PDB file of all heavy atoms in Angstrom:
ATOM      1  N   LYS A   1      -6.346  -7.088   0.665  1.00  0.00           N
ATOM      2  CA  LYS A   1      -6.534  -8.518   0.400  1.00  0.00           C
ATOM      3  C   LYS A   1      -5.334  -9.140  -0.336  1.00  0.00           C
ATOM      4  O   LYS A   1      -5.364 -10.306  -0.675  1.00  0.00           O
ATOM      5  CB  LYS A   1      -7.818  -8.753  -0.367  1.00  0.00           C
ATOM      6  CG  LYS A   1      -9.046  -8.462   0.486  1.00  0.00           C
ATOM      7  CD  LYS A   1     -10.315  -8.808  -0.225  1.00  0.00           C
ATOM      8  CE  LYS A   1     -11.498  -8.497   0.695  1.00  0.00           C
ATOM      9  NZ  LYS A   1     -12.774  -8.732   0.018  1.00  0.00           N
ATOM     10  N   ASP A   2      -4.305  -8.357  -0.562  1.00  0.00           N
ATOM     11  CA  ASP A   2      -3.029  -8.871  -1.086  1.00  0.00           C
ATOM     12  C   ASP A   2      -2.219  -9.219   0.158  1.00  0.00           C
ATOM     13  O   ASP A   2      -1.368  -8.453   0.595  1.00  0.00           O
ATOM     14  CB  ASP A   2      -2.353  -7.795  -1.948  1.00  0.00           C
ATOM     15  CG  ASP A   2      -1.062  -8.255  -2.571  1.00  0.00           C
ATOM     16  OD1 ASP A   2      -0.662  -9.424  -2.364  1.00  0.00           O
ATOM     17  OD2 ASP A   2      -0.429  -7.438  -3.268  1.00  0.00           O
ATOM     18  N   ASP A   3      -2.529 -10.349   0.738  1.00  0.00           N
ATOM     19  CA  ASP A   3      -2.095 -10.705   2.090  1.00  0.00           C
ATOM     20  C   ASP A   3      -0.607 -10.489   2.360  1.00  0.00           C
ATOM     21  O   ASP A   3      -0.236  -9.826   3.334  1.00  0.00           O
ATOM     22  CB  ASP A   3      -2.466 -12.159   2.431  1.00  0.00           C
ATOM     23  CG  ASP A   3      -3.971 -12.375   2.458  1.00  0.00           C
ATOM     24  OD1 ASP A   3      -4.713 -11.422   2.776  1.00  0.00           O
ATOM     25  OD2 ASP A   3      -4.406 -13.502   2.159  1.00  0.00           O
ATOM     26  N   TYR A   4       0.259 -11.058   1.552  1.00  0.00           N
ATOM     27  CA  TYR A   4       1.698 -10.968   1.811  1.00  0.00           C
ATOM     28  C   TYR A   4       2.181  -9.524   1.715  1.00  0.00           C
ATOM     29  O   TYR A   4       2.880  -9.029   2.613  1.00  0.00           O
ATOM     30  CB  TYR A   4       2.481 -11.861   0.846  1.00  0.00           C
ATOM     31  CG  TYR A   4       3.976 -11.703   0.995  1.00  0.00           C
ATOM     32  CD1 TYR A   4       4.633 -12.177   2.123  1.00  0.00           C
ATOM     33  CD2 TYR A   4       4.730 -11.055   0.026  1.00  0.00           C
ATOM     34  CE1 TYR A   4       6.001 -12.019   2.286  1.00  0.00           C
ATOM     35  CE2 TYR A   4       6.095 -10.893   0.177  1.00  0.00           C
ATOM     36  CZ  TYR A   4       6.724 -11.375   1.298  1.00  0.00           C
ATOM     37  OH  TYR A   4       8.074 -11.212   1.453  1.00  0.00           O
ATOM     38  N   SER A   5       1.808  -8.828   0.646  1.00  0.00           N
ATOM     39  CA  SER A   5       2.269  -7.450   0.483  1.00  0.00           C
ATOM     40  C   SER A   5       1.671  -6.531   1.542  1.00  0.00           C
ATOM     41  O   SER A   5       2.332  -5.609   2.017  1.00  0.00           O
ATOM     42  CB  SER A   5       1.921  -6.921  -0.909  1.00  0.00           C
ATOM     43  OG  SER A   5       2.723  -7.559  -1.876  1.00  0.00           O
ATOM     44  N   PHE A   6       0.427  -6.777   1.921  1.00  0.00           N
ATOM     45  CA  PHE A   6      -0.209  -5.933   2.931  1.00  0.00           C
ATOM     46  C   PHE A   6       0.508  -6.090   4.273  1.00  0.00           C
ATOM     47  O   PHE A   6       0.827  -5.098   4.936  1.00  0.00           O
ATOM     48  CB  PHE A   6      -1.692  -6.273   3.060  1.00  0.00           C
ATOM     49  CG  PHE A   6      -2.455  -5.374   3.993  1.00  0.00           C
ATOM     50  CD1 PHE A   6      -2.455  -4.001   3.828  1.00  0.00           C
ATOM     51  CD2 PHE A   6      -3.180  -5.907   5.036  1.00  0.00           C
ATOM     52  CE1 PHE A   6      -3.160  -3.165   4.689  1.00  0.00           C
ATOM     53  CE2 PHE A   6      -3.895  -5.086   5.902  1.00  0.00           C
ATOM     54  CZ  PHE A   6      -3.881  -3.718   5.734  1.00  0.00           C
ATOM     55  N   ALA A   7       0.803  -7.328   4.658  1.00  0.00           N
ATOM     56  CA  ALA A   7       1.529  -7.568   5.911  1.00  0.00           C
ATOM     57  C   ALA A   7       2.936  -6.976   5.837  1.00  0.00           C
ATOM     58  O   ALA A   7       3.417  -6.341   6.787  1.00  0.00           O
ATOM     59  CB  ALA A   7       1.587  -9.059   6.212  1.00  0.00           C
ATOM     60  N   SER A   8       3.601  -7.161   4.709  1.00  0.00           N
ATOM     61  CA  SER A   8       4.949  -6.603   4.523  1.00  0.00           C
ATOM     62  C   SER A   8       4.921  -5.087   4.607  1.00  0.00           C
ATOM     63  O   SER A   8       5.794  -4.467   5.232  1.00  0.00           O
ATOM     64  CB  SER A   8       5.518  -7.044   3.175  1.00  0.00           C
ATOM     65  OG  SER A   8       5.686  -8.437   3.106  1.00  0.00           O
ATOM     66  N   THR A   9       3.947  -4.480   3.946  1.00  0.00           N
ATOM     67  CA  THR A   9       3.830  -3.025   3.929  1.00  0.00           C
ATOM     68  C   THR A   9       3.651  -2.484   5.338  1.00  0.00           C
ATOM     69  O   THR A   9       4.302  -1.504   5.717  1.00  0.00           O
ATOM     70  CB  THR A   9       2.648  -2.593   3.033  1.00  0.00           C
ATOM     71  OG1 THR A   9       2.920  -3.028   1.704  1.00  0.00           O
ATOM     72  CG2 THR A   9       2.469  -1.088   3.044  1.00  0.00           C
ATOM     73  N   LYS A  10       2.775  -3.104   6.117  1.00  0.00           N
ATOM     74  CA  LYS A  10       2.557  -2.639   7.490  1.00  0.00           C
ATOM     75  C   LYS A  10       3.847  -2.729   8.306  1.00  0.00           C
ATOM     76  O   LYS A  10       4.149  -1.808   9.065  1.00  0.00           O
ATOM     77  CB  LYS A  10       1.429  -3.431   8.156  1.00  0.00           C
ATOM     78  CG  LYS A  10       0.057  -3.112   7.593  1.00  0.00           C
ATOM     79  CD  LYS A  10      -1.068  -3.724   8.407  1.00  0.00           C
ATOM     80  CE  LYS A  10      -1.008  -5.200   8.454  1.00  0.00           C
ATOM     81  NZ  LYS A  10      -2.149  -5.824   9.149  1.00  0.00           N
ATOM     82  N   GLN A  11       4.593  -3.800   8.134  1.00  0.00           N
ATOM     83  CA  GLN A  11       5.843  -3.935   8.901  1.00  0.00           C
ATOM     84  C   GLN A  11       6.863  -2.898   8.457  1.00  0.00           C
ATOM     85  O   GLN A  11       7.486  -2.235   9.284  1.00  0.00           O
ATOM     86  CB  GLN A  11       6.436  -5.334   8.766  1.00  0.00           C
ATOM     87  CG  GLN A  11       7.716  -5.445   9.587  1.00  0.00           C
ATOM     88  CD  GLN A  11       8.248  -6.850   9.688  1.00  0.00           C
ATOM     89  OE1 GLN A  11       7.523  -7.813   9.515  1.00  0.00           O
ATOM     90  NE2 GLN A  11       9.532  -6.972   9.984  1.00  0.00           N
ATOM     91  N   LEU A  12       7.067  -2.760   7.149  1.00  0.00           N
ATOM     92  CA  LEU A  12       8.043  -1.796   6.647  1.00  0.00           C
ATOM     93  C   LEU A  12       7.657  -0.379   7.034  1.00  0.00           C
ATOM     94  O   LEU A  12       8.515   0.429   7.418  1.00  0.00           O
ATOM     95  CB  LEU A  12       8.185  -1.935   5.124  1.00  0.00           C
ATOM     96  CG  LEU A  12       8.782  -3.264   4.652  1.00  0.00           C
ATOM     97  CD1 LEU A  12       8.654  -3.386   3.149  1.00  0.00           C
ATOM     98  CD2 LEU A  12      10.236  -3.399   5.092  1.00  0.00           C
ATOM     99  N   PHE A  13       6.365  -0.057   6.952  1.00  0.00           N
ATOM    100  CA  PHE A  13       5.894   1.281   7.330  1.00  0.00           C
ATOM    101  C   PHE A  13       6.189   1.546   8.809  1.00  0.00           C
ATOM    102  O   PHE A  13       6.612   2.647   9.167  1.00  0.00           O
ATOM    103  CB  PHE A  13       4.396   1.401   7.051  1.00  0.00           C
ATOM    104  CG  PHE A  13       3.841   2.755   7.378  1.00  0.00           C
ATOM    105  CD1 PHE A  13       4.017   3.824   6.515  1.00  0.00           C
ATOM    106  CD2 PHE A  13       3.115   2.955   8.541  1.00  0.00           C
ATOM    107  CE1 PHE A  13       3.497   5.071   6.813  1.00  0.00           C
ATOM    108  CE2 PHE A  13       2.598   4.211   8.849  1.00  0.00           C
ATOM    109  CZ  PHE A  13       2.790   5.266   7.981  1.00  0.00           C
ATOM    110  N   SER A  14       6.007   0.535   9.645  1.00  0.00           N
ATOM    111  CA  SER A  14       6.255   0.725  11.085  1.00  0.00           C
ATOM    112  C   SER A  14       7.738   0.970  11.364  1.00  0.00           C
ATOM    113  O   SER A  14       8.083   1.611  12.347  1.00  0.00           O
ATOM    114  CB  SER A  14       5.749  -0.475  11.893  1.00  0.00           C
ATOM    115  OG  SER A  14       6.579  -1.596  11.712  1.00  0.00           O
ATOM    116  N   GLU A  15       8.624   0.472  10.495  1.00  0.00           N
ATOM    117  CA  GLU A  15      10.063   0.657  10.670  1.00  0.00           C
ATOM    118  C   GLU A  15      10.549   2.011  10.144  1.00  0.00           C
ATOM    119  O   GLU A  15      11.633   2.455  10.494  1.00  0.00           O
ATOM    120  CB  GLU A  15      10.828  -0.445   9.927  1.00  0.00           C
ATOM    121  CG  GLU A  15      10.609  -1.834  10.473  1.00  0.00           C
ATOM    122  CD  GLU A  15      11.286  -2.889   9.609  1.00  0.00           C
ATOM    123  OE1 GLU A  15      12.029  -2.536   8.667  1.00  0.00           O
ATOM    124  OE2 GLU A  15      11.071  -4.083   9.880  1.00  0.00           O
ATOM    125  N   ALA A  16       9.738   2.638   9.297  1.00  0.00           N
ATOM    126  CA  ALA A  16      10.142   3.886   8.625  1.00  0.00           C
ATOM    127  C   ALA A  16      10.159   5.061   9.598  1.00  0.00           C
ATOM    128  O   ALA A  16       9.425   5.084  10.588  1.00  0.00           O
ATOM    129  CB  ALA A  16       9.216   4.185   7.460  1.00  0.00           C
ATOM    130  N   LYS A  17      10.984   6.042   9.255  1.00  0.00           N
ATOM    131  CA  LYS A  17      11.060   7.263  10.046  1.00  0.00           C
ATOM    132  C   LYS A  17       9.836   8.125   9.820  1.00  0.00           C
ATOM    133  O   LYS A  17       8.918   7.751   9.094  1.00  0.00           O
ATOM    134  CB  LYS A  17      12.348   8.016   9.701  1.00  0.00           C
ATOM    135  CG  LYS A  17      13.580   7.238  10.125  1.00  0.00           C
ATOM    136  CD  LYS A  17      14.837   8.003   9.870  1.00  0.00           C
ATOM    137  CE  LYS A  17      16.027   7.185  10.356  1.00  0.00           C
ATOM    138  NZ  LYS A  17      17.283   7.825  10.106  1.00  0.00           N
ATOM    139  N   GLU A  18       9.833   9.334  10.390  1.00  0.00           N
ATOM    140  CA  GLU A  18       8.650  10.177  10.429  1.00  0.00           C
ATOM    141  C   GLU A  18       8.012  10.518   9.093  1.00  0.00           C
ATOM    142  O   GLU A  18       6.816  10.448   8.943  1.00  0.00           O
ATOM    143  CB  GLU A  18       8.966  11.514  11.130  1.00  0.00           C
ATOM    144  CG  GLU A  18       9.383  11.376  12.544  1.00  0.00           C
ATOM    145  CD  GLU A  18      10.752  11.954  12.798  1.00  0.00           C
ATOM    146  OE1 GLU A  18      11.196  12.816  12.029  1.00  0.00           O
ATOM    147  OE2 GLU A  18      11.389  11.535  13.755  1.00  0.00           O
ATOM    148  N   ARG A  19       8.761  10.931   8.135  1.00  0.00           N
ATOM    149  CA  ARG A  19       8.183  11.459   6.901  1.00  0.00           C
ATOM    150  C   ARG A  19       7.730  10.317   6.013  1.00  0.00           C
ATOM    151  O   ARG A  19       8.390   9.926   5.061  1.00  0.00           O
ATOM    152  CB  ARG A  19       9.195  12.361   6.196  1.00  0.00           C
ATOM    153  CG  ARG A  19       9.608  13.514   7.082  1.00  0.00           C
ATOM    154  CD  ARG A  19      10.593  14.458   6.477  1.00  0.00           C
ATOM    155  NE  ARG A  19      11.647  13.797   5.732  1.00  0.00           N
ATOM    156  CZ  ARG A  19      12.314  14.353   4.738  1.00  0.00           C
ATOM    157  NH1 ARG A  19      12.026  15.577   4.360  1.00  0.00           N
ATOM    158  NH2 ARG A  19      13.274  13.708   4.128  1.00  0.00           N
ATOM    159  N   LYS A  20       6.543   9.793   6.360  1.00  0.00           N
ATOM    160  CA  LYS A  20       6.031   8.616   5.670  1.00  0.00           C
ATOM    161  C   LYS A  20       4.530   8.715   5.490  1.00  0.00           C
ATOM    162  O   LYS A  20       3.846   9.424   6.230  1.00  0.00           O
ATOM    163  CB  LYS A  20       6.388   7.359   6.458  1.00  0.00           C
ATOM    164  CG  LYS A  20       5.823   7.339   7.880  1.00  0.00           C
ATOM    165  CD  LYS A  20       6.332   6.137   8.655  1.00  0.00           C
ATOM    166  CE  LYS A  20       5.753   6.120  10.067  1.00  0.00           C
ATOM    167  NZ  LYS A  20       6.191   4.948  10.826  1.00  0.00           N
ATOM    168  N   GLN A  21       4.040   8.008   4.496  1.00  0.00           N
ATOM    169  CA  GLN A  21       2.622   8.018   4.174  1.00  0.00           C
ATOM    170  C   GLN A  21       2.212   6.597   3.828  1.00  0.00           C
ATOM    171  O   GLN A  21       2.930   5.898   3.116  1.00  0.00           O
ATOM    172  CB  GLN A  21       2.372   8.957   2.998  1.00  0.00           C
ATOM    173  CG  GLN A  21       0.953   9.107   2.573  1.00  0.00           C
ATOM    174  CD  GLN A  21       0.794  10.117   1.459  1.00  0.00           C
ATOM    175  OE1 GLN A  21       1.666  10.957   1.236  1.00  0.00           O
ATOM    176  NE2 GLN A  21      -0.307  10.042   0.735  1.00  0.00           N
ATOM    177  N   LEU A  22       1.050   6.168   4.322  1.00  0.00           N
ATOM    178  CA  LEU A  22       0.532   4.833   4.049  1.00  0.00           C
ATOM    179  C   LEU A  22      -0.833   4.936   3.385  1.00  0.00           C
ATOM    180  O   LEU A  22      -1.706   5.642   3.891  1.00  0.00           O
ATOM    181  CB  LEU A  22       0.416   4.030   5.346  1.00  0.00           C
ATOM    182  CG  LEU A  22      -0.229   2.650   5.248  1.00  0.00           C
ATOM    183  CD1 LEU A  22       0.597   1.724   4.361  1.00  0.00           C
ATOM    184  CD2 LEU A  22      -0.421   2.053   6.634  1.00  0.00           C
ATOM    185  N   GLU A  23      -0.988   4.231   2.270  1.00  0.00           N
ATOM    186  CA  GLU A  23      -2.276   4.167   1.583  1.00  0.00           C
ATOM    187  C   GLU A  23      -2.684   2.703   1.496  1.00  0.00           C
ATOM    188  O   GLU A  23      -1.903   1.859   1.038  1.00  0.00           O
ATOM    189  CB  GLU A  23      -2.188   4.764   0.172  1.00  0.00           C
ATOM    190  CG  GLU A  23      -1.875   6.246   0.171  1.00  0.00           C
ATOM    191  CD  GLU A  23      -2.955   7.100   0.809  1.00  0.00           C
ATOM    192  OE1 GLU A  23      -4.144   6.731   0.740  1.00  0.00           O
ATOM    193  OE2 GLU A  23      -2.611   8.130   1.408  1.00  0.00           O
ATOM    194  N   VAL A  24      -3.894   2.412   1.953  1.00  0.00           N
ATOM    195  CA  VAL A  24      -4.423   1.056   1.925  1.00  0.00           C
ATOM    196  C   VAL A  24      -5.625   1.030   0.999  1.00  0.00           C
ATOM    197  O   VAL A  24      -6.567   1.809   1.180  1.00  0.00           O
ATOM    198  CB  VAL A  24      -4.836   0.589   3.340  1.00  0.00           C
ATOM    199  CG1 VAL A  24      -5.469  -0.786   3.283  1.00  0.00           C
ATOM    200  CG2 VAL A  24      -3.630   0.599   4.273  1.00  0.00           C
ATOM    201  N   LEU A  25      -5.572   0.168   0.010  1.00  0.00           N
ATOM    202  CA  LEU A  25      -6.675   0.027  -0.946  1.00  0.00           C
ATOM    203  C   LEU A  25      -7.521  -1.175  -0.575  1.00  0.00           C
ATOM    204  O   LEU A  25      -7.008  -2.140  -0.019  1.00  0.00           O
ATOM    205  CB  LEU A  25      -6.125  -0.189  -2.357  1.00  0.00           C
ATOM    206  CG  LEU A  25      -5.706   1.044  -3.129  1.00  0.00           C
ATOM    207  CD1 LEU A  25      -4.478   1.677  -2.544  1.00  0.00           C
ATOM    208  CD2 LEU A  25      -5.488   0.685  -4.568  1.00  0.00           C
ATOM    209  N   GLN A  26      -8.772  -1.115  -0.910  1.00  0.00           N
ATOM    210  CA  GLN A  26      -9.640  -2.270  -0.764  1.00  0.00           C
ATOM    211  C   GLN A  26      -9.357  -3.208  -1.922  1.00  0.00           C
ATOM    212  O   GLN A  26      -8.842  -2.801  -2.959  1.00  0.00           O
ATOM    213  CB  GLN A  26     -11.106  -1.851  -0.755  1.00  0.00           C
ATOM    214  CG  GLN A  26     -11.475  -1.025   0.427  1.00  0.00           C
ATOM    215  CD  GLN A  26     -12.956  -0.670   0.439  1.00  0.00           C
ATOM    216  OE1 GLN A  26     -13.678  -0.926  -0.506  1.00  0.00           O
ATOM    217  NE2 GLN A  26     -13.397  -0.069   1.529  1.00  0.00           N
ATOM    218  N   GLY A  27      -9.645  -4.468  -1.756  1.00  0.00           N
ATOM    219  CA  GLY A  27      -9.463  -5.426  -2.834  1.00  0.00           C
ATOM    220  C   GLY A  27      -8.105  -6.087  -2.794  1.00  0.00           C
ATOM    221  O   GLY A  27      -7.429  -6.096  -1.776  1.00  0.00           O
ATOM    222  N   ASN A  28      -7.708  -6.649  -3.954  1.00  0.00           N
ATOM    223  CA  ASN A  28      -6.472  -7.416  -4.000  1.00  0.00           C
ATOM    224  C   ASN A  28      -5.535  -6.980  -5.125  1.00  0.00           C
ATOM    225  O   ASN A  28      -4.684  -7.742  -5.573  1.00  0.00           O
ATOM    226  CB  ASN A  28      -6.780  -8.908  -4.120  1.00  0.00           C
ATOM    227  CG  ASN A  28      -7.510  -9.249  -5.419  1.00  0.00           C
ATOM    228  OD1 ASN A  28      -7.884  -8.365  -6.168  1.00  0.00           O
ATOM    229  ND2 ASN A  28      -7.720 -10.522  -5.668  1.00  0.00           N
ATOM    230  N   ALA A  29      -5.654  -5.750  -5.584  1.00  0.00           N
ATOM    231  CA  ALA A  29      -4.767  -5.252  -6.633  1.00  0.00           C
ATOM    232  C   ALA A  29      -3.319  -5.336  -6.147  1.00  0.00           C
ATOM    233  O   ALA A  29      -3.047  -5.286  -4.945  1.00  0.00           O
ATOM    234  CB  ALA A  29      -5.122  -3.820  -6.992  1.00  0.00           C
ATOM    235  N   HIS A  30      -2.398  -5.458  -7.100  1.00  0.00           N
ATOM    236  CA  HIS A  30      -0.991  -5.625  -6.730  1.00  0.00           C
ATOM    237  C   HIS A  30      -0.115  -4.748  -7.612  1.00  0.00           C
ATOM    238  O   HIS A  30      -0.341  -4.635  -8.810  1.00  0.00           O
ATOM    239  CB  HIS A  30      -0.583  -7.102  -6.881  1.00  0.00           C
ATOM    240  CG  HIS A  30       0.827  -7.358  -6.484  1.00  0.00           C
ATOM    241  ND1 HIS A  30       1.202  -7.547  -5.169  1.00  0.00           N
ATOM    242  CD2 HIS A  30       1.959  -7.455  -7.211  1.00  0.00           C
ATOM    243  CE1 HIS A  30       2.500  -7.764  -5.119  1.00  0.00           C
ATOM    244  NE2 HIS A  30       2.988  -7.710  -6.349  1.00  0.00           N
ATOM    245  N   GLY A  31       0.888  -4.137  -7.001  1.00  0.00           N
ATOM    246  CA  GLY A  31       1.879  -3.350  -7.752  1.00  0.00           C
ATOM    247  C   GLY A  31       1.266  -2.248  -8.577  1.00  0.00           C
ATOM    248  O   GLY A  31       0.366  -1.551  -8.126  1.00  0.00           O
ATOM    249  N   THR A  32       1.750  -2.114  -9.803  1.00  0.00           N
ATOM    250  CA  THR A  32       1.271  -1.023 -10.660  1.00  0.00           C
ATOM    251  C   THR A  32      -0.206  -1.182 -11.006  1.00  0.00           C
ATOM    252  O   THR A  32      -0.843  -0.202 -11.405  1.00  0.00           O
ATOM    253  CB  THR A  32       2.093  -0.929 -11.961  1.00  0.00           C
ATOM    254  OG1 THR A  32       2.044  -2.177 -12.640  1.00  0.00           O
ATOM    255  CG2 THR A  32       3.532  -0.539 -11.655  1.00  0.00           C
ATOM    256  N   GLY A  33      -0.781  -2.354 -10.816  1.00  0.00           N
ATOM    257  CA  GLY A  33      -2.212  -2.543 -11.021  1.00  0.00           C
ATOM    258  C   GLY A  33      -3.037  -1.665 -10.092  1.00  0.00           C
ATOM    259  O   GLY A  33      -4.174  -1.303 -10.397  1.00  0.00           O
ATOM    260  N   MET A  34      -2.458  -1.288  -8.949  1.00  0.00           N
ATOM    261  CA  MET A  34      -3.164  -0.411  -8.012  1.00  0.00           C
ATOM    262  C   MET A  34      -3.333   0.995  -8.568  1.00  0.00           C
ATOM    263  O   MET A  34      -4.188   1.753  -8.113  1.00  0.00           O
ATOM    264  CB  MET A  34      -2.419  -0.341  -6.676  1.00  0.00           C
ATOM    265  CG  MET A  34      -2.413  -1.638  -5.926  1.00  0.00           C
ATOM    266  SD  MET A  34      -1.742  -1.478  -4.240  1.00  0.00           S
ATOM    267  CE  MET A  34      -0.123  -0.820  -4.547  1.00  0.00           C
ATOM    268  N   LEU A  35      -2.534   1.361  -9.548  1.00  0.00           N
ATOM    269  CA  LEU A  35      -2.604   2.706 -10.111  1.00  0.00           C
ATOM    270  C   LEU A  35      -3.875   2.939 -10.922  1.00  0.00           C
ATOM    271  O   LEU A  35      -4.184   4.062 -11.290  1.00  0.00           O
ATOM    272  CB  LEU A  35      -1.369   3.011 -10.955  1.00  0.00           C
ATOM    273  CG  LEU A  35      -0.059   3.003 -10.165  1.00  0.00           C
ATOM    274  CD1 LEU A  35       1.123   3.205 -11.098  1.00  0.00           C
ATOM    275  CD2 LEU A  35      -0.072   4.052  -9.061  1.00  0.00           C
ATOM    276  N   GLU A  36      -4.634   1.877 -11.167  1.00  0.00           N
ATOM    277  CA  GLU A  36      -5.944   2.037 -11.795  1.00  0.00           C
ATOM    278  C   GLU A  36      -6.905   2.748 -10.855  1.00  0.00           C
ATOM    279  O   GLU A  36      -7.910   3.290 -11.293  1.00  0.00           O
ATOM    280  CB  GLU A  36      -6.497   0.673 -12.214  1.00  0.00           C
ATOM    281  CG  GLU A  36      -5.698   0.049 -13.345  1.00  0.00           C
ATOM    282  CD  GLU A  36      -6.230  -1.297 -13.771  1.00  0.00           C
ATOM    283  OE1 GLU A  36      -7.416  -1.601 -13.476  1.00  0.00           O
ATOM    284  OE2 GLU A  36      -5.473  -2.046 -14.404  1.00  0.00           O
ATOM    285  N   ASP A  37      -6.593   2.744  -9.559  1.00  0.00           N
ATOM    286  CA  ASP A  37      -7.382   3.478  -8.570  1.00  0.00           C
ATOM    287  C   ASP A  37      -7.001   4.950  -8.690  1.00  0.00           C
ATOM    288  O   ASP A  37      -5.877   5.346  -8.370  1.00  0.00           O
ATOM    289  CB  ASP A  37      -7.067   2.942  -7.164  1.00  0.00           C
ATOM    290  CG  ASP A  37      -7.867   3.637  -6.083  1.00  0.00           C
ATOM    291  OD1 ASP A  37      -7.657   4.861  -5.873  1.00  0.00           O
ATOM    292  OD2 ASP A  37      -8.677   2.962  -5.432  1.00  0.00           O
ATOM    293  N   ARG A  38      -7.917   5.745  -9.169  1.00  0.00           N
ATOM    294  CA  ARG A  38      -7.633   7.162  -9.463  1.00  0.00           C
ATOM    295  C   ARG A  38      -7.164   7.916  -8.221  1.00  0.00           C
ATOM    296  O   ARG A  38      -6.247   8.735  -8.285  1.00  0.00           O
ATOM    297  CB  ARG A  38      -8.874   7.828 -10.057  1.00  0.00           C
ATOM    298  CG  ARG A  38      -8.637   9.241 -10.517  1.00  0.00           C
ATOM    299  CD  ARG A  38      -9.856   9.766 -11.275  1.00  0.00           C
ATOM    300  NE  ARG A  38      -9.724  11.149 -11.588  1.00  0.00           N
ATOM    301  CZ  ARG A  38      -9.127  11.616 -12.680  1.00  0.00           C
ATOM    302  NH1 ARG A  38      -8.603  10.770 -13.542  1.00  0.00           N
ATOM    303  NH2 ARG A  38      -9.059  12.905 -12.910  1.00  0.00           N
ATOM    304  N   ALA A  39      -7.790   7.652  -7.086  1.00  0.00           N
ATOM    305  CA  ALA A  39      -7.408   8.367  -5.859  1.00  0.00           C
ATOM    306  C   ALA A  39      -5.962   8.053  -5.483  1.00  0.00           C
ATOM    307  O   ALA A  39      -5.215   8.958  -5.108  1.00  0.00           O
ATOM    308  CB  ALA A  39      -8.358   7.991  -4.718  1.00  0.00           C
ATOM    309  N   LEU A  40      -5.556   6.786  -5.605  1.00  0.00           N
ATOM    310  CA  LEU A  40      -4.180   6.419  -5.286  1.00  0.00           C
ATOM    311  C   LEU A  40      -3.227   7.093  -6.268  1.00  0.00           C
ATOM    312  O   LEU A  40      -2.202   7.642  -5.870  1.00  0.00           O
ATOM    313  CB  LEU A  40      -3.974   4.919  -5.317  1.00  0.00           C
ATOM    314  CG  LEU A  40      -2.520   4.482  -5.080  1.00  0.00           C
ATOM    315  CD1 LEU A  40      -2.068   4.829  -3.668  1.00  0.00           C
ATOM    316  CD2 LEU A  40      -2.331   3.013  -5.370  1.00  0.00           C
ATOM    317  N   SER A  41      -3.566   7.074  -7.545  1.00  0.00           N
ATOM    318  CA  SER A  41      -2.717   7.704  -8.557  1.00  0.00           C
ATOM    319  C   SER A  41      -2.512   9.187  -8.251  1.00  0.00           C
ATOM    320  O   SER A  41      -1.401   9.706  -8.364  1.00  0.00           O
ATOM    321  CB  SER A  41      -3.323   7.542  -9.948  1.00  0.00           C
ATOM    322  OG  SER A  41      -3.295   6.203 -10.343  1.00  0.00           O
ATOM    323  N   GLN A  42      -3.565   9.861  -7.852  1.00  0.00           N
ATOM    324  CA  GLN A  42      -3.481  11.288  -7.524  1.00  0.00           C
ATOM    325  C   GLN A  42      -2.607  11.513  -6.294  1.00  0.00           C
ATOM    326  O   GLN A  42      -1.793  12.454  -6.263  1.00  0.00           O
ATOM    327  CB  GLN A  42      -4.870  11.882  -7.341  1.00  0.00           C
ATOM    328  CG  GLN A  42      -5.647  11.966  -8.640  1.00  0.00           C
ATOM    329  CD  GLN A  42      -7.078  12.421  -8.438  1.00  0.00           C
ATOM    330  OE1 GLN A  42      -7.652  12.278  -7.351  1.00  0.00           O
ATOM    331  NE2 GLN A  42      -7.689  12.909  -9.500  1.00  0.00           N
TER     332      GLN A  42
END
């Protein structure tokens, strides 16, 4: 739900080479605020 960053992330991820990982969180957390999600932090 962080519309601009989510769209940007999808585009940048699609441009990246093979060794890449994408994590999508529910909600609208942004930047380091997403690290409050324990699973993402791990």
